[in-house]
Structure formats: structure tokens, C-alpha cells
Amino acid sequence: MDRLVTDLEQLTQQGLAELVTMDAERLGAFMEQRSNIMTALLQVTSTSTNKEAYKDRIQAVLSLDPIFLRKLEQFRDEASSQLTKLDTGKIQRNAYDTHYDPESYFFDRKK
């Protein structure tokens, strides 16, 4: 269990150091690694008797979650903005595209 907590601390510190330059894919991979360690910790703590010894260390790591969440929200907002731009462009393009056959003829009839 000590190894898992140490790995989690090191990964989190490395993630904090690289957070400014991380792109969405790298942040996703980081979060996946972190999730795997947390899952392993949950499995180990279900059988461990000395959970209290690691509680403060894990709480310190989890207290940094809002920093990573802000970065994830920033990527989400950027992606949402880009999707909105694409949708707007598509709507504008559709407004100017012809939806009729240029070879068609119109006949007016007098009534």
C-alpha cells in the first residue's frame, strides 16, 4: 500500500509540474493512470488494517483535484467553443448553398 500511495503522490506532483503545458490527450492519460492507482488503492484498503497511516497523505493528494478539474473544464470549454463555431459555419454555409437543381424550370400560370 505504501508503494501505491507513493506512486500516487509522485504522479500527482509530476502532473502539477506539467499541467501548464499539458494538452487534452496527455491530461486524459494522466487522469487514467491516476484512476488506475486509486482503484488499486481501494482494493488494497478493503483488506488493509492500517488505513489511518495513509489517510493524511491521500487527503493531501485529493486536495489538489480542483486544480486538475479546472484544467479539464478549460479543455471542455474550448471544445464547446470550437463545436459552436463549426455549427455556426455549417448553418451559414447551408443558408447560401443552393438546395435546388439549377436545371429546373418554373412555370407560371395565369388563373
C-alpha atoms as a PDB file:
ATOM      1  CA  MET A   1       0.000   0.000   0.000  1.00  0.00           C
ATOM      2  CA  ASP A   2       2.889   2.324   0.724  1.00  0.00           C
ATOM      3  CA  ARG A   3       4.135   1.876  -2.837  1.00  0.00           C
ATOM      4  CA  LEU A   4       0.726   2.799  -4.272  1.00  0.00           C
ATOM      5  CA  VAL A   5       0.440   5.939  -2.152  1.00  0.00           C
ATOM      6  CA  THR A   6       3.979   6.945  -3.087  1.00  0.00           C
ATOM      7  CA  ASP A   7       3.229   6.338  -6.785  1.00  0.00           C
ATOM      8  CA  LEU A   8       0.085   8.438  -6.475  1.00  0.00           C
ATOM      9  CA  GLU A   9       1.996  11.277  -4.827  1.00  0.00           C
ATOM     10  CA  GLN A  10       4.766  11.206  -7.427  1.00  0.00           C
ATOM     11  CA  LEU A  11       2.323  11.069 -10.332  1.00  0.00           C
ATOM     12  CA  THR A  12       0.327  13.958  -8.908  1.00  0.00           C
ATOM     13  CA  GLN A  13       3.437  16.090  -8.379  1.00  0.00           C
ATOM     14  CA  GLN A  14       4.624  15.314 -11.908  1.00  0.00           C
ATOM     15  CA  GLY A  15       1.178  16.193 -13.242  1.00  0.00           C
ATOM     16  CA  LEU A  16       1.214  19.511 -11.392  1.00  0.00           C
ATOM     17  CA  ALA A  17       4.623  20.342 -12.815  1.00  0.00           C
ATOM     18  CA  GLU A  18       3.490  19.600 -16.384  1.00  0.00           C
ATOM     19  CA  LEU A  19      -0.067  20.908 -16.087  1.00  0.00           C
ATOM     20  CA  VAL A  20       0.588  24.228 -17.816  1.00  0.00           C
ATOM     21  CA  THR A  21       1.966  22.551 -20.935  1.00  0.00           C
ATOM     22  CA  MET A  22      -0.355  19.509 -20.960  1.00  0.00           C
ATOM     23  CA  ASP A  23      -2.659  19.027 -23.897  1.00  0.00           C
ATOM     24  CA  ALA A  24      -6.016  17.268 -23.612  1.00  0.00           C
ATOM     25  CA  GLU A  25      -4.657  13.845 -24.604  1.00  0.00           C
ATOM     26  CA  ARG A  26      -1.808  13.969 -22.103  1.00  0.00           C
ATOM     27  CA  LEU A  27      -4.158  15.127 -19.345  1.00  0.00           C
ATOM     28  CA  GLY A  28      -6.528  12.294 -20.200  1.00  0.00           C
ATOM     29  CA  ALA A  29      -3.692   9.765 -19.979  1.00  0.00           C
ATOM     30  CA  PHE A  30      -2.602  11.282 -16.667  1.00  0.00           C
ATOM     31  CA  MET A  31      -6.109  11.030 -15.245  1.00  0.00           C
ATOM     32  CA  GLU A  32      -6.359   7.426 -16.454  1.00  0.00           C
ATOM     33  CA  GLN A  33      -3.099   6.495 -14.681  1.00  0.00           C
ATOM     34  CA  ARG A  34      -4.279   8.230 -11.553  1.00  0.00           C
ATOM     35  CA  SER A  35      -7.601   6.421 -11.704  1.00  0.00           C
ATOM     36  CA  ASN A  36      -5.840   3.071 -12.019  1.00  0.00           C
ATOM     37  CA  ILE A  37      -3.754   3.789  -8.918  1.00  0.00           C
ATOM     38  CA  MET A  38      -6.849   4.922  -6.997  1.00  0.00           C
ATOM     39  CA  THR A  39      -8.688   1.734  -7.993  1.00  0.00           C
ATOM     40  CA  ALA A  40      -5.756  -0.356  -6.800  1.00  0.00           C
ATOM     41  CA  LEU A  41      -5.712   1.621  -3.539  1.00  0.00           C
ATOM     42  CA  LEU A  42      -9.407   0.966  -2.995  1.00  0.00           C
ATOM     43  CA  GLN A  43      -8.865  -2.743  -3.484  1.00  0.00           C
ATOM     44  CA  VAL A  44      -5.927  -2.809  -1.086  1.00  0.00           C
ATOM     45  CA  THR A  45      -7.632  -0.701   1.574  1.00  0.00           C
ATOM     46  CA  SER A  46     -10.605  -3.049   1.698  1.00  0.00           C
ATOM     47  CA  THR A  47      -8.312  -5.685   3.222  1.00  0.00           C
ATOM     48  CA  SER A  48      -5.772  -3.441   4.936  1.00  0.00           C
ATOM     49  CA  THR A  49      -5.875  -2.681   8.641  1.00  0.00           C
ATOM     50  CA  ASN A  50      -3.543   0.326   8.702  1.00  0.00           C
ATOM     51  CA  LYS A  51      -5.614   2.696   6.571  1.00  0.00           C
ATOM     52  CA  GLU A  52      -5.250   5.580   9.004  1.00  0.00           C
ATOM     53  CA  ALA A  53      -1.495   5.759   8.417  1.00  0.00           C
ATOM     54  CA  TYR A  54      -2.052   6.809   4.804  1.00  0.00           C
ATOM     55  CA  LYS A  55      -5.174   8.889   5.247  1.00  0.00           C
ATOM     56  CA  ASP A  56      -3.386  12.257   5.513  1.00  0.00           C
ATOM     57  CA  ARG A  57      -1.174  11.575   2.501  1.00  0.00           C
ATOM     58  CA  ILE A  58      -4.130  10.589   0.346  1.00  0.00           C
ATOM     59  CA  GLN A  59      -6.141  13.589   1.544  1.00  0.00           C
ATOM     60  CA  ALA A  60      -3.253  15.868   0.544  1.00  0.00           C
ATOM     61  CA  VAL A  61      -3.243  14.377  -2.944  1.00  0.00           C
ATOM     62  CA  LEU A  62      -7.025  14.617  -3.270  1.00  0.00           C
ATOM     63  CA  SER A  63      -6.969  18.249  -2.177  1.00  0.00           C
ATOM     64  CA  LEU A  64      -5.209  19.013  -5.481  1.00  0.00           C
ATOM     65  CA  ASP A  65      -8.131  17.670  -7.538  1.00  0.00           C
ATOM     66  CA  PRO A  66      -9.726  21.111  -8.118  1.00  0.00           C
ATOM     67  CA  ILE A  67      -6.597  22.231  -9.975  1.00  0.00           C
ATOM     68  CA  PHE A  68      -6.872  19.337 -12.404  1.00  0.00           C
ATOM     69  CA  LEU A  69     -10.631  19.793 -12.693  1.00  0.00           C
ATOM     70  CA  ARG A  70     -10.142  23.440 -13.719  1.00  0.00           C
ATOM     71  CA  LYS A  71      -7.805  22.349 -16.498  1.00  0.00           C
ATOM     72  CA  LEU A  72     -10.294  19.718 -17.660  1.00  0.00           C
ATOM     73  CA  GLU A  73     -13.071  22.329 -17.628  1.00  0.00           C
ATOM     74  CA  GLN A  74     -10.859  24.652 -19.660  1.00  0.00           C
ATOM     75  CA  PHE A  75     -10.437  21.954 -22.322  1.00  0.00           C
ATOM     76  CA  ARG A  76     -14.169  21.247 -22.248  1.00  0.00           C
ATOM     77  CA  ASP A  77     -14.982  24.936 -22.735  1.00  0.00           C
ATOM     78  CA  GLU A  78     -12.510  25.222 -25.617  1.00  0.00           C
ATOM     79  CA  ALA A  79     -14.024  22.170 -27.305  1.00  0.00           C
ATOM     80  CA  SER A  80     -17.530  23.524 -26.798  1.00  0.00           C
ATOM     81  CA  SER A  81     -16.492  26.835 -28.326  1.00  0.00           C
ATOM     82  CA  GLN A  82     -14.994  25.114 -31.354  1.00  0.00           C
ATOM     83  CA  LEU A  83     -18.129  22.999 -31.830  1.00  0.00           C
ATOM     84  CA  THR A  84     -20.271  26.119 -31.661  1.00  0.00           C
ATOM     85  CA  LYS A  85     -18.112  27.760 -34.324  1.00  0.00           C
ATOM     86  CA  LEU A  86     -18.424  24.686 -36.538  1.00  0.00           C
ATOM     87  CA  ASP A  87     -22.194  24.607 -36.119  1.00  0.00           C
ATOM     88  CA  THR A  88     -22.471  28.316 -36.901  1.00  0.00           C
ATOM     89  CA  GLY A  89     -20.353  27.864 -40.010  1.00  0.00           C
ATOM     90  CA  LYS A  90     -22.475  24.931 -41.104  1.00  0.00           C
ATOM     91  CA  ILE A  91     -25.677  26.950 -40.664  1.00  0.00           C
ATOM     92  CA  GLN A  92     -24.240  29.872 -42.617  1.00  0.00           C
ATOM     93  CA  ARG A  93     -22.977  27.592 -45.373  1.00  0.00           C
ATOM     94  CA  ASN A  94     -26.358  25.883 -45.649  1.00  0.00           C
ATOM     95  CA  ALA A  95     -28.082  29.248 -45.931  1.00  0.00           C
ATOM     96  CA  TYR A  96     -26.074  30.113 -49.037  1.00  0.00           C
ATOM     97  CA  ASP A  97     -25.938  26.680 -50.622  1.00  0.00           C
ATOM     98  CA  THR A  98     -28.456  26.004 -53.310  1.00  0.00           C
ATOM     99  CA  HIS A  99     -30.936  23.327 -52.415  1.00  0.00           C
ATOM    100  CA  TYR A 100     -32.477  23.128 -55.831  1.00  0.00           C
ATOM    101  CA  ASP A 101     -31.479  21.817 -59.191  1.00  0.00           C
ATOM    102  CA  PRO A 102     -30.076  24.669 -61.304  1.00  0.00           C
ATOM    103  CA  GLU A 103     -31.523  22.973 -64.386  1.00  0.00           C
ATOM    104  CA  SER A 104     -35.074  23.160 -63.079  1.00  0.00           C
ATOM    105  CA  TYR A 105     -37.668  25.482 -64.617  1.00  0.00           C
ATOM    106  CA  PHE A 106     -40.511  27.347 -63.065  1.00  0.00           C
ATOM    107  CA  PHE A 107     -43.776  27.794 -64.913  1.00  0.00           C
ATOM    108  CA  ASP A 108     -46.191  30.498 -64.023  1.00  0.00           C
ATOM    109  CA  ARG A 109     -49.810  30.047 -64.870  1.00  0.00           C
ATOM    110  CA  LYS A 110     -52.401  32.712 -65.175  1.00  0.00           C
ATOM    111  CA  LYS A 111     -55.573  31.951 -63.382  1.00  0.00           C
END
